[in-house]
Amino acid sequence: MYMCLCKCGAYDRTRYGRTRATPTSFVTHHTQQISKAAVVNDSKAILKFIISRKQKACSCTSSTTGAAYAASGVWRA
């Protein structure tokens, strides 16, 4: 079953059904997709931040000032 939005000339080809695997309404489906995109991109940003901090810590520990930086534990924040 497809829902047709003919008022503005657009069609929603999302299949709506009665099982748990299928979305039950337009608003529910798209709200879930927006929420999922926010969570996924936020986790990617956190991972990118952690990787950059680890790389910075590894590059600093090889220099003379790196020992003080490593001892401070800044990258573990």
N, C-alpha and C. Protein backbone atom coordinates (compact mmCIF):
# COMPACT_ATOMS: atom_id res chain seq x y z
N MET A 1 0.85 -1.17 0.00
CA MET A 1 0.00 0.00 0.00
C MET A 1 0.90 1.24 0.00
N TYR A 2 0.69 2.13 -0.92
CA TYR A 2 1.45 3.37 -1.01
C TYR A 2 0.56 4.54 -0.63
N MET A 3 1.17 5.56 -0.05
CA MET A 3 0.44 6.76 0.29
C MET A 3 0.75 7.80 -0.78
N CYS A 4 -0.26 8.41 -1.32
CA CYS A 4 -0.07 9.39 -2.38
C CYS A 4 -0.32 10.78 -1.84
N LEU A 5 0.63 11.66 -2.03
CA LEU A 5 0.47 13.06 -1.64
C LEU A 5 0.33 13.90 -2.91
N CYS A 6 -0.84 13.92 -3.47
CA CYS A 6 -1.05 14.56 -4.75
C CYS A 6 -1.22 16.07 -4.66
N LYS A 7 -1.40 16.62 -3.47
CA LYS A 7 -1.63 18.05 -3.32
C LYS A 7 -0.46 18.88 -3.84
N CYS A 8 0.75 18.46 -3.55
CA CYS A 8 1.92 19.23 -3.97
C CYS A 8 2.65 18.56 -5.13
N GLY A 9 2.10 17.51 -5.68
CA GLY A 9 2.72 16.85 -6.81
C GLY A 9 3.80 15.85 -6.44
N ALA A 10 3.92 15.52 -5.14
CA ALA A 10 4.94 14.57 -4.70
C ALA A 10 4.29 13.25 -4.30
N TYR A 11 5.05 12.17 -4.43
CA TYR A 11 4.55 10.85 -4.06
C TYR A 11 5.46 10.25 -3.00
N ASP A 12 4.84 9.64 -2.01
CA ASP A 12 5.58 8.93 -0.98
C ASP A 12 5.50 7.45 -1.32
N ARG A 13 6.62 6.87 -1.72
CA ARG A 13 6.63 5.47 -2.13
C ARG A 13 7.04 4.53 -0.99
N THR A 14 7.01 5.02 0.24
CA THR A 14 7.30 4.18 1.39
C THR A 14 6.18 3.17 1.57
N ARG A 15 6.55 1.92 1.78
CA ARG A 15 5.54 0.88 1.98
C ARG A 15 5.14 0.87 3.45
N TYR A 16 3.87 1.13 3.70
CA TYR A 16 3.35 1.11 5.06
C TYR A 16 2.66 -0.22 5.30
N GLY A 17 2.86 -0.78 6.48
CA GLY A 17 2.28 -2.07 6.78
C GLY A 17 1.90 -2.21 8.23
N ARG A 18 1.59 -3.42 8.61
CA ARG A 18 1.13 -3.67 9.97
C ARG A 18 2.17 -4.42 10.81
N THR A 19 3.26 -4.84 10.23
CA THR A 19 4.28 -5.57 10.98
C THR A 19 5.25 -4.60 11.64
N ARG A 20 6.05 -5.12 12.56
CA ARG A 20 7.02 -4.27 13.26
C ARG A 20 8.12 -3.79 12.35
N ALA A 21 8.40 -4.52 11.29
CA ALA A 21 9.51 -4.18 10.40
C ALA A 21 9.17 -3.04 9.45
N THR A 22 7.90 -2.75 9.26
CA THR A 22 7.51 -1.70 8.32
C THR A 22 7.01 -0.47 9.07
N PRO A 23 7.26 0.71 8.53
CA PRO A 23 6.76 1.92 9.18
C PRO A 23 5.24 1.99 9.12
N THR A 24 4.66 2.63 10.13
CA THR A 24 3.20 2.70 10.18
C THR A 24 2.65 4.02 9.67
N SER A 25 3.46 5.05 9.64
CA SER A 25 3.00 6.34 9.12
C SER A 25 4.17 7.13 8.55
N PHE A 26 3.84 8.12 7.76
CA PHE A 26 4.85 8.98 7.13
C PHE A 26 5.67 9.70 8.19
N VAL A 27 4.99 10.32 9.17
CA VAL A 27 5.67 11.11 10.19
C VAL A 27 6.57 10.23 11.05
N THR A 28 6.08 9.09 11.49
CA THR A 28 6.88 8.19 12.31
C THR A 28 8.13 7.73 11.57
N HIS A 29 7.95 7.31 10.33
CA HIS A 29 9.08 6.82 9.54
C HIS A 29 10.16 7.88 9.37
N HIS A 30 9.79 9.07 8.97
CA HIS A 30 10.77 10.10 8.69
C HIS A 30 11.37 10.69 9.96
N THR A 31 10.60 10.72 11.05
CA THR A 31 11.16 11.16 12.32
C THR A 31 12.23 10.19 12.80
N GLN A 32 11.97 8.90 12.64
CA GLN A 32 12.97 7.89 13.00
C GLN A 32 14.22 8.01 12.15
N GLN A 33 14.07 8.26 10.87
CA GLN A 33 15.22 8.39 9.98
C GLN A 33 16.06 9.62 10.33
N ILE A 34 15.41 10.72 10.66
CA ILE A 34 16.13 11.94 11.05
C ILE A 34 16.88 11.70 12.36
N SER A 35 16.22 11.06 13.32
CA SER A 35 16.85 10.77 14.60
C SER A 35 18.05 9.85 14.42
N LYS A 36 17.90 8.84 13.59
CA LYS A 36 19.00 7.90 13.32
C LYS A 36 20.18 8.63 12.69
N ALA A 37 19.92 9.51 11.74
CA ALA A 37 20.99 10.26 11.09
C ALA A 37 21.74 11.13 12.09
N ALA A 38 21.01 11.74 13.02
CA ALA A 38 21.65 12.58 14.04
C ALA A 38 22.55 11.75 14.94
N VAL A 39 22.09 10.59 15.37
CA VAL A 39 22.87 9.73 16.26
C VAL A 39 24.11 9.20 15.55
N VAL A 40 23.95 8.74 14.32
CA VAL A 40 25.08 8.18 13.57
C VAL A 40 26.15 9.25 13.33
N ASN A 41 25.73 10.44 12.90
CA ASN A 41 26.71 11.49 12.61
C ASN A 41 27.36 12.02 13.88
N ASP A 42 26.63 12.05 14.99
CA ASP A 42 27.22 12.46 16.25
C ASP A 42 28.28 11.47 16.70
N SER A 43 27.99 10.19 16.55
CA SER A 43 28.98 9.19 16.94
C SER A 43 30.21 9.23 16.03
N LYS A 44 30.02 9.53 14.76
CA LYS A 44 31.16 9.67 13.85
C LYS A 44 32.03 10.86 14.26
N ALA A 45 31.39 11.95 14.67
CA ALA A 45 32.15 13.13 15.10
C ALA A 45 32.93 12.84 16.37
N ILE A 46 32.32 12.11 17.30
CA ILE A 46 33.02 11.74 18.54
C ILE A 46 34.22 10.85 18.23
N LEU A 47 34.03 9.87 17.37
CA LEU A 47 35.13 8.98 16.99
C LEU A 47 36.26 9.75 16.31
N LYS A 48 35.92 10.68 15.44
CA LYS A 48 36.93 11.50 14.77
C LYS A 48 37.72 12.33 15.79
N PHE A 49 37.03 12.87 16.79
CA PHE A 49 37.69 13.64 17.84
C PHE A 49 38.64 12.77 18.64
N ILE A 50 38.20 11.58 19.00
CA ILE A 50 39.05 10.66 19.77
C ILE A 50 40.29 10.27 18.98
N ILE A 51 40.10 9.96 17.71
CA ILE A 51 41.25 9.57 16.87
C ILE A 51 42.25 10.72 16.76
N SER A 52 41.74 11.94 16.58
CA SER A 52 42.66 13.09 16.45
C SER A 52 43.42 13.32 17.75
N ARG A 53 42.75 13.15 18.89
CA ARG A 53 43.42 13.33 20.18
C ARG A 53 44.49 12.26 20.39
N LYS A 54 44.18 11.02 20.02
CA LYS A 54 45.17 9.94 20.16
C LYS A 54 46.37 10.18 19.26
N GLN A 55 46.12 10.62 18.03
CA GLN A 55 47.22 10.90 17.11
C GLN A 55 48.09 12.04 17.64
N LYS A 56 47.44 13.06 18.20
CA LYS A 56 48.19 14.18 18.74
C LYS A 56 49.03 13.72 19.94
N ALA A 57 48.47 12.86 20.77
CA ALA A 57 49.20 12.36 21.93
C ALA A 57 50.38 11.50 21.50
N CYS A 58 50.18 10.68 20.49
CA CYS A 58 51.27 9.82 20.03
C CYS A 58 52.39 10.63 19.39
N SER A 59 52.05 11.69 18.68
CA SER A 59 53.08 12.50 18.05
C SER A 59 53.83 13.33 19.07
N CYS A 60 53.18 13.70 20.16
CA CYS A 60 53.84 14.51 21.18
C CYS A 60 54.72 13.68 22.10
N THR A 61 54.41 12.44 22.31
CA THR A 61 55.20 11.64 23.24
C THR A 61 56.59 11.34 22.72
N SER A 62 56.80 11.49 21.41
CA SER A 62 58.12 11.23 20.87
C SER A 62 59.06 12.42 21.03
N SER A 63 58.52 13.58 21.33
CA SER A 63 59.37 14.77 21.50
C SER A 63 59.68 14.97 22.98
N THR A 64 60.52 15.96 23.28
CA THR A 64 60.89 16.22 24.67
C THR A 64 59.72 16.81 25.45
N THR A 65 58.89 17.61 24.81
CA THR A 65 57.74 18.19 25.51
C THR A 65 56.60 17.17 25.59
N GLY A 66 56.71 16.11 24.85
CA GLY A 66 55.66 15.10 24.85
C GLY A 66 55.51 14.39 26.18
N ALA A 67 56.60 14.26 26.93
CA ALA A 67 56.53 13.58 28.23
C ALA A 67 55.62 14.34 29.18
N ALA A 68 55.73 15.66 29.19
CA ALA A 68 54.86 16.47 30.05
C ALA A 68 53.42 16.39 29.58
N TYR A 69 53.23 16.40 28.28
CA TYR A 69 51.87 16.30 27.71
C TYR A 69 51.25 14.95 28.04
N ALA A 70 52.02 13.90 27.93
CA ALA A 70 51.53 12.56 28.22
C ALA A 70 51.22 12.41 29.70
N ALA A 71 52.02 13.01 30.54
CA ALA A 71 51.81 12.91 31.99
C ALA A 71 50.55 13.67 32.41
N SER A 72 50.20 14.72 31.67
CA SER A 72 49.03 15.51 32.03
C SER A 72 47.73 14.77 31.78
N GLY A 73 47.74 13.79 30.87
CA GLY A 73 46.55 13.00 30.58
C GLY A 73 45.48 13.77 29.83
N VAL A 74 45.85 14.77 29.07
CA VAL A 74 44.90 15.61 28.36
C VAL A 74 44.08 14.81 27.36
N TRP A 75 44.69 13.87 26.68
CA TRP A 75 43.98 13.14 25.64
C TRP A 75 42.96 12.15 26.21
N ARG A 76 42.97 11.90 27.50
CA ARG A 76 42.03 10.98 28.11
C ARG A 76 40.75 11.66 28.53
N ALA A 77 40.60 12.94 28.29
CA ALA A 77 39.43 13.71 28.75
C ALA A 77 38.15 13.21 28.15
